[in-house]
N, C-alpha and C. Protein backbone atom coordinates (compact mmCIF):
# COMPACT_ATOMS: atom_id res chain seq x y z
N UNK A 1 0.84 -1.19 0.00
CA UNK A 1 0.00 0.00 0.00
C UNK A 1 0.88 1.24 0.00
N UNK A 2 0.49 2.21 -0.76
CA UNK A 2 1.21 3.47 -0.85
C UNK A 2 1.00 4.25 0.44
N UNK A 3 2.10 4.63 1.07
CA UNK A 3 2.01 5.43 2.29
C UNK A 3 2.48 6.83 1.95
N UNK A 4 1.66 7.78 2.31
CA UNK A 4 1.98 9.18 2.03
C UNK A 4 1.96 9.92 3.36
N UNK A 5 3.02 10.66 3.62
CA UNK A 5 3.12 11.43 4.84
C UNK A 5 2.78 12.87 4.53
N UNK A 6 1.53 13.24 4.81
CA UNK A 6 1.08 14.59 4.48
C UNK A 6 1.02 15.44 5.74
N UNK A 7 1.49 16.65 5.61
CA UNK A 7 1.32 17.62 6.69
C UNK A 7 0.02 18.35 6.41
N UNK A 8 -0.84 18.36 7.40
CA UNK A 8 -2.16 18.94 7.15
C UNK A 8 -2.18 20.42 7.44
N UNK A 9 -2.59 21.15 6.43
CA UNK A 9 -2.85 22.58 6.59
C UNK A 9 -4.28 22.85 6.17
N UNK A 10 -5.13 21.83 6.31
CA UNK A 10 -6.47 21.95 5.77
C UNK A 10 -7.44 22.65 6.71
N UNK A 11 -7.01 22.99 7.89
CA UNK A 11 -7.93 23.59 8.85
C UNK A 11 -8.47 24.93 8.35
N UNK A 12 -7.57 25.82 7.99
CA UNK A 12 -8.02 27.17 7.64
C UNK A 12 -8.05 27.42 6.14
N UNK A 13 -7.06 26.92 5.43
CA UNK A 13 -6.97 27.28 4.02
C UNK A 13 -7.27 26.12 3.08
N UNK A 14 -7.78 25.02 3.60
CA UNK A 14 -8.17 23.87 2.77
C UNK A 14 -7.06 23.47 1.82
N UNK A 15 -5.88 23.27 2.36
CA UNK A 15 -4.74 22.87 1.57
C UNK A 15 -3.99 21.78 2.31
N UNK A 16 -3.53 20.78 1.58
CA UNK A 16 -2.74 19.71 2.17
C UNK A 16 -1.36 19.75 1.55
N UNK A 17 -0.36 19.95 2.38
CA UNK A 17 1.01 19.99 1.91
C UNK A 17 1.54 18.57 1.82
N UNK A 18 2.10 18.22 0.65
CA UNK A 18 2.67 16.90 0.44
C UNK A 18 4.15 17.07 0.09
N UNK A 19 4.95 16.10 0.46
CA UNK A 19 6.36 16.14 0.08
C UNK A 19 6.46 15.92 -1.43
N UNK A 20 7.58 16.29 -1.99
CA UNK A 20 7.80 16.09 -3.43
C UNK A 20 7.74 14.60 -3.77
N UNK A 21 8.25 13.76 -2.89
CA UNK A 21 8.19 12.30 -3.12
C UNK A 21 6.75 11.81 -3.15
N UNK A 22 5.93 12.29 -2.21
CA UNK A 22 4.52 11.89 -2.17
C UNK A 22 3.77 12.37 -3.41
N UNK A 23 4.03 13.60 -3.82
CA UNK A 23 3.41 14.12 -5.04
C UNK A 23 3.79 13.26 -6.24
N UNK A 24 5.07 12.90 -6.29
CA UNK A 24 5.57 12.09 -7.40
C UNK A 24 4.84 10.74 -7.45
N UNK A 25 4.64 10.11 -6.30
CA UNK A 25 3.93 8.83 -6.24
C UNK A 25 2.49 8.97 -6.71
N UNK A 26 1.81 10.00 -6.24
CA UNK A 26 0.41 10.22 -6.63
C UNK A 26 0.29 10.54 -8.12
N UNK A 27 1.16 11.42 -8.59
CA UNK A 27 1.12 11.81 -10.00
C UNK A 27 1.44 10.63 -10.90
N UNK A 28 2.34 9.77 -10.45
CA UNK A 28 2.66 8.56 -11.21
C UNK A 28 1.42 7.68 -11.37
N UNK A 29 0.68 7.51 -10.29
CA UNK A 29 -0.55 6.72 -10.36
C UNK A 29 -1.58 7.37 -11.26
N UNK A 30 -1.71 8.68 -11.15
CA UNK A 30 -2.66 9.40 -12.01
C UNK A 30 -2.27 9.25 -13.48
N UNK A 31 -0.98 9.34 -13.77
CA UNK A 31 -0.53 9.19 -15.16
C UNK A 31 -0.79 7.78 -15.69
N UNK A 32 -0.66 6.76 -14.83
CA UNK A 32 -0.99 5.40 -15.26
C UNK A 32 -2.47 5.29 -15.60
N UNK A 33 -3.31 5.92 -14.77
CA UNK A 33 -4.76 5.91 -15.03
C UNK A 33 -5.06 6.63 -16.34
N UNK A 34 -4.41 7.77 -16.57
CA UNK A 34 -4.59 8.48 -17.84
C UNK A 34 -4.21 7.57 -19.00
N UNK A 35 -3.13 6.83 -18.85
CA UNK A 35 -2.70 5.91 -19.90
C UNK A 35 -3.75 4.83 -20.16
N UNK A 36 -4.33 4.33 -19.07
CA UNK A 36 -5.40 3.34 -19.22
C UNK A 36 -6.58 3.94 -19.99
N UNK A 37 -6.96 5.15 -19.64
CA UNK A 37 -8.09 5.80 -20.31
C UNK A 37 -7.78 6.10 -21.77
N UNK A 38 -6.54 6.50 -22.06
CA UNK A 38 -6.15 6.71 -23.45
C UNK A 38 -6.23 5.41 -24.23
N UNK A 39 -5.82 4.31 -23.59
CA UNK A 39 -5.91 3.01 -24.23
C UNK A 39 -7.35 2.61 -24.52
N UNK A 40 -8.23 2.90 -23.58
CA UNK A 40 -9.65 2.61 -23.77
C UNK A 40 -10.21 3.45 -24.92
N UNK A 41 -9.82 4.70 -24.96
CA UNK A 41 -10.25 5.59 -26.06
C UNK A 41 -9.82 5.00 -27.41
N UNK A 42 -8.59 4.52 -27.48
CA UNK A 42 -8.09 3.92 -28.72
C UNK A 42 -8.87 2.66 -29.06
N UNK A 43 -9.22 1.87 -28.04
CA UNK A 43 -10.02 0.66 -28.29
C UNK A 43 -11.36 1.00 -28.92
N UNK A 44 -11.98 2.06 -28.42
CA UNK A 44 -13.27 2.49 -28.98
C UNK A 44 -13.08 2.95 -30.43
N UNK A 45 -12.05 3.76 -30.65
CA UNK A 45 -11.77 4.24 -32.01
C UNK A 45 -11.53 3.08 -32.98
N UNK A 46 -10.90 2.01 -32.46
CA UNK A 46 -10.56 0.85 -33.29
C UNK A 46 -11.68 -0.18 -33.35
N UNK A 47 -12.86 0.17 -32.82
CA UNK A 47 -14.02 -0.74 -32.83
C UNK A 47 -13.72 -2.09 -32.18
N UNK A 48 -13.00 -2.04 -31.07
CA UNK A 48 -12.68 -3.28 -30.36
C UNK A 48 -13.93 -3.88 -29.73
N UNK A 49 -13.86 -5.15 -29.43
CA UNK A 49 -14.96 -5.92 -28.85
C UNK A 49 -15.39 -5.31 -27.51
N UNK A 50 -16.70 -5.21 -27.32
CA UNK A 50 -17.27 -4.56 -26.13
C UNK A 50 -16.73 -5.16 -24.83
N UNK A 51 -16.68 -6.47 -24.75
CA UNK A 51 -16.22 -7.12 -23.51
C UNK A 51 -14.78 -6.74 -23.19
N UNK A 52 -13.93 -6.61 -24.21
CA UNK A 52 -12.54 -6.20 -23.98
C UNK A 52 -12.48 -4.78 -23.43
N UNK A 53 -13.31 -3.91 -23.96
CA UNK A 53 -13.36 -2.52 -23.47
C UNK A 53 -13.86 -2.49 -22.03
N UNK A 54 -14.89 -3.29 -21.75
CA UNK A 54 -15.43 -3.33 -20.39
C UNK A 54 -14.41 -3.84 -19.39
N UNK A 55 -13.61 -4.80 -19.78
CA UNK A 55 -12.55 -5.30 -18.89
C UNK A 55 -11.56 -4.18 -18.57
N UNK A 56 -11.19 -3.42 -19.58
CA UNK A 56 -10.26 -2.31 -19.36
C UNK A 56 -10.90 -1.20 -18.53
N UNK A 57 -12.18 -0.95 -18.73
CA UNK A 57 -12.89 0.03 -17.91
C UNK A 57 -12.92 -0.40 -16.45
N UNK A 58 -13.11 -1.69 -16.22
CA UNK A 58 -13.11 -2.21 -14.86
C UNK A 58 -11.74 -2.00 -14.21
N UNK A 59 -10.68 -2.25 -14.96
CA UNK A 59 -9.33 -2.06 -14.43
C UNK A 59 -9.08 -0.58 -14.09
N UNK A 60 -9.52 0.31 -14.98
CA UNK A 60 -9.35 1.74 -14.72
C UNK A 60 -10.16 2.18 -13.50
N UNK A 61 -11.37 1.65 -13.38
CA UNK A 61 -12.22 1.96 -12.24
C UNK A 61 -11.55 1.52 -10.94
N UNK A 62 -10.97 0.34 -10.93
CA UNK A 62 -10.28 -0.15 -9.73
C UNK A 62 -9.07 0.71 -9.41
N UNK A 63 -8.35 1.15 -10.44
CA UNK A 63 -7.19 2.00 -10.21
C UNK A 63 -7.60 3.34 -9.60
N UNK A 64 -8.69 3.91 -10.08
CA UNK A 64 -9.19 5.18 -9.54
C UNK A 64 -9.64 4.98 -8.09
N UNK A 65 -10.36 3.90 -7.83
CA UNK A 65 -10.82 3.64 -6.46
C UNK A 65 -9.65 3.41 -5.52
N UNK A 66 -8.62 2.75 -5.99
CA UNK A 66 -7.44 2.52 -5.17
C UNK A 66 -6.74 3.84 -4.84
N UNK A 67 -6.61 4.71 -5.82
CA UNK A 67 -6.02 6.03 -5.59
C UNK A 67 -6.86 6.83 -4.60
N UNK A 68 -8.17 6.81 -4.78
CA UNK A 68 -9.07 7.52 -3.86
C UNK A 68 -8.92 6.97 -2.45
N UNK A 69 -8.78 5.67 -2.33
CA UNK A 69 -8.63 5.04 -1.02
C UNK A 69 -7.36 5.51 -0.32
N UNK A 70 -6.27 5.59 -1.07
CA UNK A 70 -5.00 6.07 -0.50
C UNK A 70 -5.15 7.50 0.00
N UNK A 71 -5.74 8.35 -0.83
CA UNK A 71 -5.90 9.75 -0.45
C UNK A 71 -6.86 9.90 0.73
N UNK A 72 -7.94 9.13 0.72
CA UNK A 72 -8.90 9.17 1.83
C UNK A 72 -8.25 8.70 3.12
N UNK A 73 -7.49 7.61 3.06
CA UNK A 73 -6.81 7.09 4.25
C UNK A 73 -5.87 8.14 4.84
N UNK A 74 -5.10 8.76 3.98
CA UNK A 74 -4.18 9.78 4.46
C UNK A 74 -4.91 11.02 4.97
N UNK A 75 -6.02 11.37 4.33
CA UNK A 75 -6.81 12.51 4.78
C UNK A 75 -7.35 12.26 6.19
N UNK A 76 -7.81 11.05 6.42
CA UNK A 76 -8.37 10.73 7.74
C UNK A 76 -7.28 10.74 8.82
N UNK A 77 -6.08 10.28 8.46
CA UNK A 77 -5.00 10.21 9.44
C UNK A 77 -4.26 11.53 9.62
N UNK A 78 -4.56 12.49 8.78
CA UNK A 78 -3.88 13.78 8.93
C UNK A 78 -4.91 14.88 9.16
N UNK A 79 -5.56 15.33 8.13
CA UNK A 79 -6.47 16.47 8.22
C UNK A 79 -7.61 16.25 9.21
N UNK A 80 -8.27 15.11 9.08
CA UNK A 80 -9.43 14.85 9.94
C UNK A 80 -8.99 14.68 11.39
N UNK A 81 -7.97 13.88 11.60
CA UNK A 81 -7.49 13.65 12.96
C UNK A 81 -7.03 14.96 13.61
N UNK A 82 -6.27 15.75 12.87
CA UNK A 82 -5.81 17.04 13.40
C UNK A 82 -6.99 17.96 13.70
N UNK A 83 -7.97 17.98 12.80
CA UNK A 83 -9.14 18.83 13.01
C UNK A 83 -9.92 18.44 14.25
N UNK A 84 -10.13 17.16 14.44
CA UNK A 84 -10.87 16.69 15.61
C UNK A 84 -10.09 17.00 16.89
N UNK A 85 -8.78 16.82 16.85
CA UNK A 85 -7.94 17.14 18.01
C UNK A 85 -8.06 18.62 18.37
N UNK A 86 -8.28 19.45 17.36
CA UNK A 86 -8.41 20.89 17.59
C UNK A 86 -9.86 21.30 17.85
N UNK A 87 -10.76 20.31 17.93
CA UNK A 87 -12.15 20.59 18.27
C UNK A 87 -13.05 20.87 17.08
N UNK A 88 -12.55 20.67 15.87
CA UNK A 88 -13.36 20.92 14.67
C UNK A 88 -14.16 19.67 14.33
N UNK A 89 -15.36 19.58 14.87
CA UNK A 89 -16.19 18.40 14.65
C UNK A 89 -16.88 18.39 13.29
N UNK A 90 -16.74 19.48 12.52
CA UNK A 90 -17.28 19.47 11.16
C UNK A 90 -16.53 18.47 10.29
N UNK A 91 -15.35 18.06 10.72
CA UNK A 91 -14.57 17.06 9.99
C UNK A 91 -15.33 15.73 9.92
N UNK A 92 -16.12 15.45 10.92
CA UNK A 92 -16.92 14.22 10.91
C UNK A 92 -17.95 14.28 9.80
N UNK A 93 -18.62 15.41 9.66
CA UNK A 93 -19.58 15.58 8.56
C UNK A 93 -18.90 15.48 7.21
N UNK A 94 -17.71 16.03 7.13
CA UNK A 94 -16.94 15.97 5.88
C UNK A 94 -16.66 14.52 5.50
N UNK A 95 -16.24 13.72 6.45
CA UNK A 95 -15.94 12.31 6.18
C UNK A 95 -17.20 11.54 5.80
N UNK A 96 -18.29 11.80 6.48
CA UNK A 96 -19.56 11.14 6.15
C UNK A 96 -19.93 11.46 4.69
N UNK A 97 -19.78 12.72 4.29
CA UNK A 97 -20.09 13.11 2.93
C UNK A 97 -19.14 12.40 1.93
N UNK A 98 -17.87 12.32 2.27
CA UNK A 98 -16.93 11.64 1.39
C UNK A 98 -17.27 10.16 1.22
N UNK A 99 -17.64 9.51 2.33
CA UNK A 99 -18.02 8.10 2.22
C UNK A 99 -19.27 7.93 1.36
N UNK A 100 -20.19 8.84 1.45
CA UNK A 100 -21.40 8.78 0.59
C UNK A 100 -21.02 8.88 -0.89
N UNK A 101 -20.07 9.75 -1.18
CA UNK A 101 -19.65 9.94 -2.57
C UNK A 101 -18.96 8.70 -3.13
N UNK A 102 -18.27 7.97 -2.28
CA UNK A 102 -17.48 6.83 -2.74
C UNK A 102 -18.18 5.50 -2.54
N UNK A 103 -19.43 5.52 -2.11
CA UNK A 103 -20.13 4.24 -1.94
C UNK A 103 -21.08 3.98 -3.09
């Protein structure tokens, strides 16, 4: 599992500071997903078989969900935890909303 050490500055300015190494890891994953989507686009252009396209869509979907899971996990262990420690209970509502979006 990808571990990202983020310093949370999300309390006041809604910004999360990430190290250059962490950014590089996330951007690498995003670029792989872009490559998958470009490949799917080419499959459609080439009139590839529907089932083959669906398999690739499933793989891209899993990659996106995996990336979201990493970011959500780190958000909960940094921004949310720090916010709750500082008495900002709106972070709980934020997490509930995020879980709704990803379910």
